[in-house]
Protein backbone atom coordinates (compact mmCIF):
# COMPACT_ATOMS: atom_id res chain seq x y z
CA MET A 1 -18.03 7.00 0.20
CA GLN A 2 -16.82 10.08 -1.62
CA GLY A 3 -17.55 8.47 -4.97
CA ARG A 4 -21.21 7.73 -4.35
CA LEU A 5 -23.73 9.39 -6.61
CA ASN A 6 -25.57 12.40 -5.30
CA SER A 7 -28.86 11.53 -6.96
CA GLY A 8 -30.43 14.85 -6.02
CA ASN A 9 -28.92 16.70 -8.99
CA THR A 10 -30.93 15.40 -11.93
CA THR A 11 -30.28 18.30 -14.31
CA GLN A 12 -26.54 17.86 -14.45
CA SER A 13 -25.03 16.13 -17.49
CA LEU A 14 -24.80 12.37 -16.93
CA THR A 15 -21.27 12.40 -18.30
CA THR A 16 -20.26 15.17 -15.90
CA ARG A 17 -21.79 13.30 -12.96
CA PHE A 18 -19.96 10.14 -14.01
CA ALA A 19 -16.64 11.98 -14.22
CA GLU A 20 -17.22 13.64 -10.84
CA VAL A 21 -17.87 10.43 -8.96
CA CYS A 22 -14.84 8.88 -10.64
CA ALA A 23 -12.71 11.84 -9.55
CA ALA A 24 -13.98 11.47 -5.98
CA TRP A 25 -13.04 7.79 -5.82
CA ASP A 26 -11.47 7.02 -2.46
CA VAL A 27 -9.38 3.92 -1.80
CA ALA A 28 -10.13 4.16 1.93
CA ALA A 29 -13.79 3.42 1.25
CA ILE A 30 -13.17 0.26 -0.79
CA PRO A 31 -14.08 -2.73 1.44
CA GLU A 32 -11.16 -4.93 2.41
CA GLY A 33 -12.77 -7.94 0.73
CA VAL A 34 -12.84 -6.03 -2.55
CA CYS A 35 -9.23 -4.94 -2.08
CA ALA A 36 -8.19 -8.54 -1.43
CA ARG A 37 -10.00 -9.67 -4.56
CA SER A 38 -8.38 -6.88 -6.55
CA ARG A 39 -4.89 -7.89 -5.45
CA LEU A 40 -5.55 -11.40 -6.72
CA VAL A 41 -6.88 -10.03 -10.02
CA MET A 42 -3.70 -8.00 -10.48
CA LEU A 43 -1.51 -10.98 -9.61
CA ASP A 44 -3.42 -13.18 -12.04
CA THR A 45 -3.08 -10.57 -14.80
CA LEU A 46 0.66 -10.19 -14.26
CA GLY A 47 1.04 -13.97 -14.40
CA ALA A 48 -0.77 -14.08 -17.73
CA MET A 49 1.47 -11.30 -19.07
CA LEU A 50 4.65 -13.01 -17.92
CA SER A 51 3.73 -16.34 -19.50
CA ALA A 52 2.66 -14.71 -22.78
CA SER A 53 5.96 -12.81 -23.03
CA ARG A 54 7.78 -16.02 -23.95
CA PRO A 55 9.51 -15.72 -27.34
CA LEU A 56 7.89 -18.96 -28.57
CA PHE A 57 4.69 -17.01 -29.37
CA PRO A 58 4.90 -15.47 -32.87
CA GLY A 59 2.50 -12.59 -32.18
CA THR A 60 4.44 -11.56 -29.09
CA ARG A 61 7.73 -11.58 -31.02
CA ARG A 62 6.35 -9.54 -33.89
CA LEU A 63 4.69 -6.90 -31.74
CA GLU A 64 7.77 -6.56 -29.56
CA GLN A 65 9.88 -6.11 -32.71
CA LEU A 66 7.61 -3.29 -33.86
CA ILE A 67 7.59 -1.55 -30.50
CA ARG A 68 11.34 -1.88 -30.09
CA ALA A 69 11.74 -0.01 -33.37
CA GLN A 70 9.56 2.83 -32.03
CA GLY A 71 12.18 3.80 -29.47
CA THR A 72 12.78 3.58 -25.75
CA GLY A 73 11.00 5.16 -22.83
CA PRO A 74 10.35 4.86 -19.09
CA CYS A 75 7.66 2.15 -19.16
CA PRO A 76 8.55 -1.54 -18.84
CA VAL A 77 7.09 -4.27 -21.02
CA VAL A 78 6.36 -7.14 -18.65
CA GLY A 79 8.55 -10.22 -19.09
CA THR A 80 11.12 -8.49 -21.29
CA ARG A 81 14.09 -6.13 -21.07
CA LEU A 82 12.21 -3.58 -23.16
CA ALA A 83 11.23 -0.17 -21.77
CA THR A 84 9.28 2.08 -24.09
CA THR A 85 6.82 4.96 -24.25
CA PRO A 86 3.67 4.92 -22.10
CA ILE A 87 1.42 4.45 -25.11
CA ASP A 88 3.46 1.65 -26.68
CA ALA A 89 3.90 -0.10 -23.31
CA ALA A 90 0.13 -0.06 -22.78
CA LEU A 91 -0.39 -1.62 -26.22
CA MET A 92 2.19 -4.36 -25.68
CA ASN A 93 1.24 -5.18 -22.10
CA GLY A 94 -2.46 -5.26 -23.01
CA TYR A 95 -1.62 -7.69 -25.80
CA LEU A 96 0.29 -9.92 -23.39
CA ALA A 97 -2.53 -9.88 -20.83
CA TYR A 98 -5.03 -11.49 -23.24
CA ALA A 99 -2.69 -13.51 -25.45
CA LEU A 100 -3.25 -16.85 -23.68
CA ASP A 101 -6.96 -16.24 -22.91
CA ILE A 102 -6.27 -17.17 -19.30
CA GLU A 103 -6.86 -13.87 -17.42
CA THR A 104 -10.00 -12.74 -15.59
CA HIS A 105 -13.13 -11.44 -17.27
CA HIS A 106 -16.56 -10.05 -16.33
CA GLY A 107 -19.28 -12.47 -17.35
CA ALA A 108 -22.33 -10.21 -17.74
CA ALA A 109 -20.41 -7.37 -19.39
CA ILE A 110 -18.37 -9.84 -21.52
CA VAL A 111 -15.33 -7.66 -20.85
CA HIS A 112 -11.72 -8.65 -20.14
CA ALA A 113 -11.40 -5.49 -18.09
CA ALA A 114 -8.17 -6.26 -16.24
CA ALA A 115 -6.36 -6.99 -19.51
CA SER A 116 -6.81 -3.36 -20.55
CA VAL A 117 -6.91 -1.54 -17.22
CA VAL A 118 -3.87 -3.06 -15.48
CA PRO A 119 -1.53 -2.32 -18.44
CA ALA A 120 -2.87 1.24 -18.68
CA ALA A 121 -2.32 1.77 -14.96
CA LEU A 122 1.21 0.36 -15.19
CA SER A 123 2.03 2.86 -17.94
CA ALA A 124 0.67 5.79 -15.97
CA ALA A 125 2.42 4.72 -12.77
CA ALA A 126 5.75 4.46 -14.56
CA THR A 127 5.63 8.14 -15.50
CA ASN A 128 3.72 9.51 -12.50
CA PRO A 129 4.96 7.58 -9.47
CA THR A 130 2.28 6.42 -7.06
CA ASP A 131 2.09 4.30 -3.96
CA GLY A 132 0.50 0.87 -3.97
CA ALA A 133 -2.77 2.07 -2.46
CA GLY A 134 -3.23 4.66 -5.18
CA PHE A 135 -2.44 2.11 -7.85
CA LEU A 136 -4.96 -0.36 -6.45
CA ALA A 137 -7.66 2.32 -6.28
CA ALA A 138 -7.06 3.29 -9.92
CA VAL A 139 -7.28 -0.32 -11.10
CA VAL A 140 -10.48 -1.01 -9.16
CA LEU A 141 -12.02 2.16 -10.57
CA GLY A 142 -10.91 1.44 -14.13
CA ILE A 143 -12.35 -2.07 -14.04
CA ASP A 144 -15.61 -0.65 -12.71
CA VAL A 145 -15.78 1.91 -15.51
CA ALA A 146 -14.96 -0.63 -18.24
CA CYS A 147 -17.72 -2.97 -17.11
CA ARG A 148 -20.28 -0.23 -16.46
CA VAL A 149 -19.79 1.24 -19.93
CA ALA A 150 -20.16 -2.14 -21.63
CA LEU A 151 -23.30 -2.90 -19.62
CA ALA A 152 -24.76 0.53 -20.35
CA ILE A 153 -24.23 0.16 -24.09
CA GLY A 154 -25.24 -3.51 -24.02
CA PRO A 155 -22.67 -6.27 -24.61
CA ASN A 156 -25.06 -8.23 -26.84
CA ASP A 157 -25.60 -5.06 -28.88
CA LEU A 158 -21.86 -4.67 -29.33
CA TYR A 159 -21.57 -8.29 -30.44
CA ALA A 160 -24.48 -7.82 -32.84
CA ARG A 161 -22.66 -4.85 -34.37
CA GLY A 162 -19.46 -6.88 -34.71
CA LEU A 163 -17.69 -4.94 -31.96
CA HIS A 164 -15.63 -6.34 -29.09
CA PRO A 165 -16.96 -5.22 -25.68
CA THR A 166 -13.46 -5.51 -24.23
CA ALA A 167 -12.07 -3.08 -26.79
CA ILE A 168 -14.89 -0.57 -26.32
CA GLY A 169 -15.48 -0.71 -22.57
CA GLY A 170 -11.79 -1.28 -21.91
CA ALA A 171 -10.81 2.02 -23.55
CA PHE A 172 -12.97 3.99 -21.07
CA GLY A 173 -11.72 1.98 -18.10
CA ALA A 174 -8.11 2.43 -19.18
CA ALA A 175 -8.64 6.18 -19.67
CA VAL A 176 -10.06 6.63 -16.17
CA ALA A 177 -7.44 4.43 -14.49
CA ALA A 178 -4.58 6.20 -16.25
CA GLY A 179 -6.20 9.60 -15.78
CA THR A 180 -6.60 9.02 -12.07
CA LEU A 181 -2.90 8.18 -11.72
CA LEU A 182 -1.99 11.22 -13.83
CA GLY A 183 -3.89 13.40 -11.33
CA LEU A 184 -6.79 14.47 -13.55
CA ASP A 185 -9.67 16.25 -11.84
CA ALA A 186 -13.33 15.75 -12.78
CA ASP A 187 -13.07 18.06 -15.78
CA GLY A 188 -9.95 16.26 -16.97
CA LEU A 189 -11.60 12.87 -16.58
CA GLU A 190 -14.63 14.04 -18.53
CA ARG A 191 -12.35 15.12 -21.35
CA ALA A 192 -10.50 11.78 -21.13
CA LEU A 193 -13.84 9.96 -21.44
CA GLY A 194 -14.75 12.06 -24.46
CA LEU A 195 -11.41 11.36 -26.13
CA ALA A 196 -11.70 7.65 -25.29
CA ALA A 197 -15.11 7.65 -26.97
CA THR A 198 -13.69 9.00 -30.19
CA GLU A 199 -10.71 6.62 -30.08
CA ALA A 200 -12.51 3.43 -29.05
CA CYS A 201 -12.30 0.69 -31.66
CA GLY A 202 -12.08 -3.06 -32.02
CA LEU A 203 -13.94 -5.39 -34.33
CA LEU A 204 -14.68 -9.03 -33.61
CA ALA A 205 -13.05 -9.74 -36.97
CA TRP A 206 -10.20 -11.43 -35.08
CA ALA A 207 -12.57 -14.37 -34.74
CA SER A 208 -11.64 -15.35 -38.30
CA ASP A 209 -7.88 -15.15 -37.70
CA GLU A 210 -6.84 -18.72 -37.03
CA THR A 211 -3.28 -17.61 -36.13
CA GLU A 212 -4.65 -16.23 -32.81
CA GLU A 213 -2.27 -13.27 -33.30
CA SER A 214 -4.83 -10.49 -33.79
CA ARG A 215 -7.22 -11.64 -31.04
CA PRO A 216 -5.15 -10.18 -28.16
CA LEU A 217 -4.63 -6.91 -30.00
CA ASN A 218 -7.99 -5.49 -28.91
CA PRO A 219 -7.23 -5.24 -25.17
CA GLY A 220 -3.90 -3.72 -26.16
CA LEU A 221 -5.68 -1.17 -28.32
CA ALA A 222 -8.06 -0.38 -25.46
CA ALA A 223 -5.14 0.17 -23.09
CA ARG A 224 -3.30 2.26 -25.69
CA ASN A 225 -6.36 4.35 -26.50
CA GLY A 226 -7.17 4.93 -22.85
CA VAL A 227 -3.62 6.01 -22.01
CA THR A 228 -3.57 8.29 -25.05
CA ALA A 229 -6.89 9.85 -24.03
CA ALA A 230 -5.72 10.43 -20.46
CA ARG A 231 -2.37 11.88 -21.48
CA LEU A 232 -4.02 14.20 -24.00
CA ALA A 233 -6.52 15.32 -21.37
CA ALA A 234 -3.62 16.03 -19.01
CA THR A 235 -2.27 18.56 -21.52
CA GLY A 236 -5.63 20.36 -21.55
CA PHE A 237 -6.51 18.94 -24.95
CA GLY A 238 -10.07 19.71 -26.00
CA ALA A 239 -12.56 16.87 -26.14
CA PRO A 240 -16.20 16.13 -26.98
CA ARG A 241 -18.52 16.60 -24.01
CA GLY A 242 -21.59 14.65 -23.03
CA VAL A 243 -20.64 11.37 -24.71
CA PHE A 244 -22.91 9.48 -22.29
CA ASP A 245 -25.74 12.06 -22.29
CA PRO A 246 -28.92 10.59 -23.85
CA ALA A 247 -29.81 14.02 -25.27
CA ALA A 248 -26.44 14.53 -26.95
CA LYS A 249 -26.55 14.22 -30.73
CA TYR A 250 -23.49 11.99 -31.01
CA ASN A 251 -23.42 9.86 -27.88
CA VAL A 252 -22.06 6.35 -27.42
CA PHE A 253 -25.53 4.81 -27.31
CA HIS A 254 -26.48 6.23 -30.70
CA ALA A 255 -23.23 4.82 -32.01
CA TRP A 256 -23.25 1.34 -30.52
CA SER A 257 -26.57 0.33 -28.90
CA LEU A 258 -28.97 -1.37 -31.28
CA ASP A 259 -31.92 0.75 -30.15
CA GLY A 260 -29.84 3.92 -30.01
CA ALA A 261 -30.73 4.36 -26.34
CA GLY A 262 -28.84 1.73 -24.37
CA ASN A 263 -29.23 1.64 -20.61
CA PRO A 264 -27.42 4.76 -19.30
CA THR A 265 -28.49 4.16 -15.70
CA ARG A 266 -26.00 1.29 -15.55
CA LEU A 267 -23.21 3.88 -15.39
CA LEU A 268 -24.11 5.10 -11.92
CA ASP A 269 -26.41 2.53 -10.31
CA GLY A 270 -24.73 1.36 -7.12
CA PHE A 271 -21.55 3.26 -7.92
CA GLY A 272 -19.19 3.01 -4.95
CA GLU A 273 -21.29 0.26 -3.38
CA ALA A 274 -21.17 -2.57 -5.94
CA PHE A 275 -17.73 -3.22 -7.41
CA ALA A 276 -17.26 -4.91 -10.78
CA VAL A 277 -13.88 -6.30 -9.72
CA ALA A 278 -15.70 -8.47 -7.18
CA ASP A 279 -17.64 -10.09 -10.03
CA LEU A 280 -14.62 -10.97 -12.16
CA ILE A 281 -14.24 -14.62 -13.08
CA PHE A 282 -10.90 -16.38 -12.68
CA LYS A 283 -10.03 -18.86 -15.42
CA ARG A 284 -8.74 -22.38 -14.93
CA HIS A 285 -8.63 -23.13 -18.66
CA ALA A 286 -6.80 -21.23 -21.41
CA CYS A 287 -9.73 -20.67 -23.74
CA CYS A 288 -12.82 -18.54 -24.31
CA ALA A 289 -14.86 -18.14 -21.12
CA PHE A 290 -17.97 -19.37 -22.95
CA LEU A 291 -16.32 -22.82 -23.08
CA HIS A 292 -15.38 -23.09 -19.42
CA PRO A 293 -18.65 -24.67 -18.21
CA ALA A 294 -18.36 -27.34 -20.92
CA VAL A 295 -14.72 -28.05 -20.07
CA ASP A 296 -15.60 -28.28 -16.37
CA ALA A 297 -18.41 -30.72 -17.17
CA LEU A 298 -16.19 -32.84 -19.41
CA LEU A 299 -13.38 -33.05 -16.88
CA ASP A 300 -15.87 -33.93 -14.11
CA ILE A 301 -17.35 -36.72 -16.23
CA ARG A 302 -13.85 -37.90 -17.11
CA ALA A 303 -12.90 -38.03 -13.42
CA ASP A 304 -16.14 -39.70 -12.32
CA THR A 305 -16.24 -42.39 -15.02
CA GLY A 306 -12.60 -42.92 -15.91
CA LEU A 307 -13.48 -42.44 -19.58
CA GLY A 308 -10.55 -41.34 -21.70
CA ALA A 309 -10.56 -39.84 -25.16
CA ASP A 310 -10.39 -43.28 -26.79
CA ASP A 311 -13.56 -44.33 -24.93
CA LEU A 312 -15.70 -41.49 -26.32
CA THR A 313 -17.75 -41.64 -29.50
CA ALA A 314 -19.72 -38.38 -29.28
CA ILE A 315 -19.73 -35.03 -27.49
CA VAL A 316 -22.86 -32.84 -27.62
CA VAL A 317 -22.79 -29.26 -26.30
CA ARG A 318 -25.91 -27.18 -25.68
CA PHE A 319 -25.24 -23.45 -25.21
CA PRO A 320 -27.35 -20.26 -25.31
CA ARG A 321 -28.17 -19.41 -28.92
CA THR A 322 -26.96 -15.80 -28.76
CA GLY A 323 -23.43 -16.71 -27.67
CA ALA A 324 -23.12 -20.00 -29.54
CA PRO A 325 -21.71 -18.62 -32.83
CA MET A 326 -18.59 -17.41 -31.01
CA ILE A 327 -17.56 -20.95 -30.00
CA ASP A 328 -19.20 -23.26 -32.55
CA GLY A 329 -16.76 -24.06 -35.35
CA ASN A 330 -14.80 -20.84 -34.84
CA PRO A 331 -11.51 -20.75 -36.80
CA LEU A 332 -9.72 -19.75 -33.58
CA ARG A 333 -8.64 -22.69 -31.48
CA SER A 334 -9.23 -20.70 -28.27
CA HIS A 335 -12.86 -20.17 -29.27
CA ARG A 336 -13.66 -23.48 -30.98
CA ALA A 337 -15.55 -26.10 -29.01
CA GLN A 338 -14.51 -28.71 -31.58
CA TYR A 339 -10.87 -28.15 -30.58
CA ILE A 340 -11.03 -27.26 -26.88
CA LEU A 341 -13.28 -30.15 -25.78
CA PRO A 342 -11.33 -32.86 -27.65
CA LEU A 343 -8.15 -31.33 -26.22
CA ALA A 344 -9.55 -31.50 -22.68
CA ALA A 345 -10.75 -35.07 -23.21
CA THR A 346 -7.35 -36.15 -24.51
CA ARG A 347 -4.97 -34.27 -22.23
CA GLY A 348 -7.12 -33.71 -19.13
CA VAL A 349 -6.25 -30.03 -19.22
CA VAL A 350 -6.46 -26.96 -21.44
CA ASP A 351 -3.06 -25.52 -20.67
CA PHE A 352 -1.56 -22.09 -21.14
CA ALA A 353 0.08 -22.68 -24.51
CA ASP A 354 -2.57 -24.97 -26.00
CA VAL A 355 -4.31 -22.18 -27.90
CA ILE A 356 -1.04 -21.06 -29.48
CA VAL A 357 0.51 -24.47 -30.15
CA ASP A 358 -1.82 -26.22 -32.60
CA ARG A 359 -2.59 -29.79 -31.54
CA SER A 360 -5.53 -30.33 -33.87
CA ALA A 361 -3.62 -32.80 -36.06
CA GLU A 362 -3.20 -35.26 -33.19
CA PRO A 363 -5.28 -38.32 -34.11
CA ALA A 364 -7.41 -38.44 -30.95
CA ILE A 365 -8.18 -34.73 -31.11
CA ARG A 366 -8.98 -34.89 -34.81
CA ARG A 367 -11.33 -37.86 -34.29
CA LEU A 368 -13.19 -36.21 -31.41
CA ALA A 369 -13.42 -32.93 -33.27
CA ASP A 370 -15.46 -34.73 -35.92
CA ALA A 371 -17.56 -36.30 -33.16
CA THR A 372 -18.39 -33.01 -31.39
CA ARG A 373 -21.80 -31.51 -32.13
CA PHE A 374 -23.01 -28.10 -31.02
CA VAL A 375 -26.64 -27.20 -30.27
CA HIS A 376 -27.70 -23.53 -30.25
CA ASP A 377 -30.20 -23.69 -27.40
CA ASP A 378 -33.19 -21.31 -27.27
CA GLU A 379 -34.24 -22.45 -23.78
CA LEU A 380 -30.88 -21.45 -22.27
CA ASP A 381 -30.75 -18.15 -24.14
CA PRO A 382 -32.67 -15.99 -21.60
CA LEU A 383 -29.96 -16.72 -19.03
CA TYR A 384 -27.18 -15.29 -21.24
CA PRO A 385 -24.90 -13.34 -20.81
CA GLU A 386 -25.37 -13.23 -17.03
CA ARG A 387 -24.75 -16.99 -17.07
CA TYR A 388 -23.01 -19.18 -19.63
CA VAL A 389 -25.20 -22.18 -18.81
CA THR A 390 -24.05 -25.30 -20.64
CA HIS A 391 -25.42 -28.81 -20.94
CA LEU A 392 -22.89 -31.44 -21.98
CA ALA A 393 -23.54 -35.03 -23.02
CA VAL A 394 -20.82 -37.53 -23.90
CA THR A 395 -21.35 -41.04 -25.26
CA GLY A 396 -18.99 -43.89 -24.48
CA ARG A 397 -18.22 -46.84 -26.72
CA ASP A 398 -20.61 -48.94 -24.62
CA GLY A 399 -23.45 -46.66 -25.72
CA ARG A 400 -23.98 -45.11 -22.31
CA VAL A 401 -24.59 -41.35 -22.26
CA HIS A 402 -23.17 -39.25 -19.44
CA GLU A 403 -24.68 -35.79 -18.97
CA GLN A 404 -23.96 -32.74 -16.84
CA ARG A 405 -25.31 -29.21 -16.71
CA VAL A 406 -23.05 -26.43 -15.43
CA ASP A 407 -24.63 -23.09 -14.52
CA TRP A 408 -21.50 -21.51 -13.07
CA ALA A 409 -18.00 -22.45 -14.18
CA ARG A 410 -15.31 -22.94 -11.55
CA GLY A 411 -13.74 -19.55 -10.89
CA THR A 412 -16.99 -17.57 -10.94
CA PRO A 413 -18.01 -15.80 -7.72
CA GLU A 414 -20.82 -18.36 -7.44
CA ASN A 415 -18.36 -21.28 -7.73
CA PRO A 416 -15.08 -19.69 -6.67
CA MET A 417 -11.51 -20.82 -6.84
CA GLY A 418 -9.72 -20.53 -3.52
CA ASP A 419 -7.16 -17.80 -2.97
CA ASP A 420 -4.44 -20.43 -2.74
CA GLU A 421 -5.49 -21.86 -6.11
CA ILE A 422 -5.23 -18.43 -7.73
CA VAL A 423 -1.79 -17.85 -6.24
CA ALA A 424 -0.69 -21.32 -7.37
CA LYS A 425 -1.95 -20.51 -10.87
CA PHE A 426 0.16 -17.34 -10.85
CA HIS A 427 3.24 -19.36 -9.94
CA ARG A 428 2.59 -21.79 -12.81
CA LEU A 429 2.18 -18.89 -15.23
CA ALA A 430 5.13 -16.88 -13.92
CA GLY A 431 7.28 -20.01 -13.84
CA ASP A 432 7.32 -19.96 -17.64
CA ARG A 433 9.39 -16.76 -17.50
CA VAL A 434 10.99 -16.17 -14.07
CA ASN A 435 12.53 -18.36 -11.39
CA PRO A 436 10.50 -19.34 -8.30
CA GLY A 437 12.27 -16.83 -6.06
CA VAL A 438 11.36 -13.91 -8.32
CA ALA A 439 7.79 -15.18 -8.61
CA ASP A 440 7.59 -15.31 -4.80
CA ARG A 441 8.78 -11.72 -4.55
CA ILE A 442 6.31 -10.49 -7.19
CA ALA A 443 3.47 -12.21 -5.33
CA GLY A 444 4.70 -10.76 -2.05
CA VAL A 445 4.61 -7.20 -3.41
CA VAL A 446 1.21 -7.52 -5.09
CA LEU A 447 -0.49 -9.28 -2.18
CA ASP A 448 0.77 -6.52 0.14
CA LEU A 449 0.17 -3.75 -2.39
CA GLU A 450 -1.28 -1.06 -0.11
CA ARG A 451 1.87 -1.10 2.01
CA GLN A 452 4.15 -0.36 -0.96
CA PRO A 453 5.47 3.24 -0.96
CA ASP A 454 6.04 3.03 -4.72
CA LEU A 455 6.03 0.48 -7.57
CA GLY A 456 9.72 0.68 -8.48
CA HIS A 457 10.53 -2.69 -6.91
CA LEU A 458 7.62 -4.36 -8.72
CA PHE A 459 8.69 -2.89 -12.07
CA ALA A 460 12.21 -4.23 -11.53
CA LEU A 461 10.90 -7.72 -10.72
CA LEU A 462 8.75 -7.79 -13.85
CA ARG A 463 11.75 -7.28 -16.13
CA VAL A 464 13.31 -10.41 -17.57
CA GLU A 465 16.95 -10.17 -18.60
């Protein structure tokens, strides 16, 4: 593959080498299985964006109002009539992609890569027309970069510093995806990476915002920052060099890794041979991915025993200690075990709008919230974040305890959803905003992406009048 690392040159700047292999990325060398997976990831992301564009969501309405006031442009905002500037479209579409917490994510990197990269690529493609194959290649590359950067810095380190891996890694992935579609060469991509490094931002402070409105902003910021970096680089704008070089005085590892060193080899190890997009996890439940194993376990127990919410007296969740604070008693409904598990027990589903529409006052949910206990488990901790291993125990009114351990949630590569399930999920999501015929046509274009001479037809289908 053109993009494989030539490991013989060990004196060259790591950042330069990274930019060069990104610039040499070749869609023809991406295995068909990876391309097929990528098409499903894009379809899933567009479905999430369409559903989140509904006016019933306050955050969506407010952000759209702001962006509308900024002026018009060539780039569509998915699920709306709005067309705006490339930078504003990236922000808005990135917001939509993560708003319902239902799109794909990378488990080990703890990055919602598609939520930042797909919007950035859409913005770039709207101003620099590309064919479907080129668009797919840029998205696959951007997702790879986003995940590699987060893994190189250390996702647990970013969490420990109060930073969102999606916002940090996503900015680099968005910059490379957009830069590729803007025609940047290796030097241009290196400058885009440097500019993305100085723009990257995104605290985990949204975890205290119970409105859920600021949570999706971080992928939007990553997409916006990446598109800005790429567009600046395309003008020849100067940029810091060597942002990934261990010897550089102000590199990303000094800034964000707890030991100041990180793991820079993760940037290039297996580049062009192992694809992060193949490791993305599809979501069945609209909530934080850390909670998916527990929801799976609860729904399995519910199906096996026939126990309903009224039959339960206690729910006990054991989760790796390092990740537990994000889902134990969190003010956000999407990240609070004491809301999501009672919701699943009561309704048999955690549906697309359940994190936005507050159901916590419903008597059964309120009672089970008080009966849900969370254990920060040291024994499970060594498995995290590669696995979100969860042990769930529920007690019925008869005193019997039903237990289940889930190592891999449904939708992970180790416990996959079928292609037909993913497509059906898209139709349920898209059905909130477009009619079935339009949803069929969107799916038809995306699932046959490499045959598309341009993306004009897709852009038209994603507009909602």
